Amino acid sequence: MKDAPKARKGYVRSEVLLPALRYQLQPHPDEPTVCVVALQTPDGPVTLTLHKDALAQLGTAMMIEANKMTDTGKT
């Protein structure tokens, strides 16, 4: 990915794709408009903090993409 932007100072870029095995949403303890999103991967948890607007946009985008996918018949 030679065209990818450089990481901002203090941030780490990661190009590893890991499956999300499960997720958990928790309110941020100090900021009521922020949610902590924890994704469990085979390598351990990945946590993100998302503002409520970003969380809503992500949820909508995920529903749109999920509706485009074909059913596997598995639950």
C-alpha atoms as a PDB file:
ATOM      1  CA  MET A   1       0.000   0.000   0.000  1.00  0.00           C
ATOM      2  CA  LYS A   2       2.501   2.592  -1.156  1.00  0.00           C
ATOM      3  CA  ASP A   3      -0.246   5.233  -1.550  1.00  0.00           C
ATOM      4  CA  ALA A   4      -1.505   4.848   2.021  1.00  0.00           C
ATOM      5  CA  PRO A   5      -1.173   7.977   4.156  1.00  0.00           C
ATOM      6  CA  LYS A   6       1.491   8.031   6.826  1.00  0.00           C
ATOM      7  CA  ALA A   7       0.421   7.469  10.424  1.00  0.00           C
ATOM      8  CA  ARG A   8      -0.088  10.542  12.559  1.00  0.00           C
ATOM      9  CA  LYS A   9       2.419  11.158  15.328  1.00  0.00           C
ATOM     10  CA  GLY A  10       1.490   9.018  18.315  1.00  0.00           C
ATOM     11  CA  TYR A  11      -0.559   6.556  16.244  1.00  0.00           C
ATOM     12  CA  VAL A  12       0.417   3.157  14.869  1.00  0.00           C
ATOM     13  CA  ARG A  13      -0.686   1.989  11.429  1.00  0.00           C
ATOM     14  CA  SER A  14      -1.697  -1.631  11.141  1.00  0.00           C
ATOM     15  CA  GLU A  15      -2.388  -3.394   7.869  1.00  0.00           C
ATOM     16  CA  VAL A  16      -3.212  -6.760   9.445  1.00  0.00           C
ATOM     17  CA  LEU A  17      -6.638  -8.229   8.747  1.00  0.00           C
ATOM     18  CA  LEU A  18      -7.982 -10.284  11.636  1.00  0.00           C
ATOM     19  CA  PRO A  19     -11.448 -11.770  11.981  1.00  0.00           C
ATOM     20  CA  ALA A  20     -13.644 -10.235  14.656  1.00  0.00           C
ATOM     21  CA  LEU A  21     -14.869 -13.148  16.753  1.00  0.00           C
ATOM     22  CA  ARG A  22     -17.176 -11.095  18.979  1.00  0.00           C
ATOM     23  CA  TYR A  23     -17.738  -7.527  20.007  1.00  0.00           C
ATOM     24  CA  GLN A  24     -18.753  -5.539  23.045  1.00  0.00           C
ATOM     25  CA  LEU A  25     -19.997  -1.954  23.361  1.00  0.00           C
ATOM     26  CA  GLN A  26     -19.522  -0.056  26.608  1.00  0.00           C
ATOM     27  CA  PRO A  27     -20.188   3.575  27.506  1.00  0.00           C
ATOM     28  CA  HIS A  28     -17.027   5.588  28.069  1.00  0.00           C
ATOM     29  CA  PRO A  29     -16.655   6.157  31.824  1.00  0.00           C
ATOM     30  CA  ASP A  30     -15.712   9.843  31.496  1.00  0.00           C
ATOM     31  CA  GLU A  31     -17.504  10.965  28.331  1.00  0.00           C
ATOM     32  CA  PRO A  32     -21.226  10.247  27.824  1.00  0.00           C
ATOM     33  CA  THR A  33     -21.089  10.965  24.051  1.00  0.00           C
ATOM     34  CA  VAL A  34     -18.350   8.361  23.448  1.00  0.00           C
ATOM     35  CA  CYS A  35     -18.630   4.570  23.233  1.00  0.00           C
ATOM     36  CA  VAL A  36     -15.844   2.038  23.717  1.00  0.00           C
ATOM     37  CA  VAL A  37     -16.004  -0.657  21.027  1.00  0.00           C
ATOM     38  CA  ALA A  38     -14.060  -3.822  21.842  1.00  0.00           C
ATOM     39  CA  LEU A  39     -13.492  -6.392  19.102  1.00  0.00           C
ATOM     40  CA  GLN A  40     -12.172  -9.792  20.139  1.00  0.00           C
ATOM     41  CA  THR A  41      -9.687 -11.213  17.594  1.00  0.00           C
ATOM     42  CA  PRO A  42      -7.548 -14.365  17.646  1.00  0.00           C
ATOM     43  CA  ASP A  43      -4.618 -12.131  18.684  1.00  0.00           C
ATOM     44  CA  GLY A  44      -6.537 -10.463  21.513  1.00  0.00           C
ATOM     45  CA  PRO A  45      -8.852  -7.489  21.875  1.00  0.00           C
ATOM     46  CA  VAL A  46      -8.802  -4.357  19.746  1.00  0.00           C
ATOM     47  CA  THR A  47     -10.497  -1.354  21.322  1.00  0.00           C
ATOM     48  CA  LEU A  48     -11.732   1.826  19.690  1.00  0.00           C
ATOM     49  CA  THR A  49     -13.458   4.884  21.056  1.00  0.00           C
ATOM     50  CA  LEU A  50     -16.189   6.301  18.838  1.00  0.00           C
ATOM     51  CA  HIS A  51     -18.293   9.419  19.215  1.00  0.00           C
ATOM     52  CA  LYS A  52     -22.018   8.650  19.086  1.00  0.00           C
ATOM     53  CA  ASP A  53     -22.322  10.106  15.549  1.00  0.00           C
ATOM     54  CA  ALA A  54     -19.444   7.963  14.261  1.00  0.00           C
ATOM     55  CA  LEU A  55     -20.899   4.910  16.009  1.00  0.00           C
ATOM     56  CA  ALA A  56     -24.278   5.507  14.342  1.00  0.00           C
ATOM     57  CA  GLN A  57     -22.642   5.976  10.921  1.00  0.00           C
ATOM     58  CA  LEU A  58     -20.605   2.800  11.375  1.00  0.00           C
ATOM     59  CA  GLY A  59     -23.701   0.842  12.417  1.00  0.00           C
ATOM     60  CA  THR A  60     -25.619   2.053   9.368  1.00  0.00           C
ATOM     61  CA  ALA A  61     -22.705   1.262   7.043  1.00  0.00           C
ATOM     62  CA  MET A  62     -22.367  -2.226   8.537  1.00  0.00           C
ATOM     63  CA  MET A  63     -26.079  -2.938   8.044  1.00  0.00           C
ATOM     64  CA  ILE A  64     -25.896  -1.784   4.410  1.00  0.00           C
ATOM     65  CA  GLU A  65     -22.878  -4.005   3.725  1.00  0.00           C
ATOM     66  CA  ALA A  66     -24.417  -6.982   5.565  1.00  0.00           C
ATOM     67  CA  ASN A  67     -27.543  -6.685   3.414  1.00  0.00           C
ATOM     68  CA  LYS A  68     -25.373  -6.889   0.271  1.00  0.00           C
ATOM     69  CA  MET A  69     -23.825 -10.203   1.396  1.00  0.00           C
ATOM     70  CA  THR A  70     -25.257 -13.552   0.430  1.00  0.00           C
ATOM     71  CA  ASP A  71     -26.655 -15.849   3.115  1.00  0.00           C
ATOM     72  CA  THR A  72     -24.546 -18.872   4.003  1.00  0.00           C
ATOM     73  CA  GLY A  73     -27.342 -20.727   5.757  1.00  0.00           C
ATOM     74  CA  LYS A  74     -25.252 -20.722   8.951  1.00  0.00           C
ATOM     75  CA  THR A  75     -26.358 -18.972  12.128  1.00  0.00           C
END
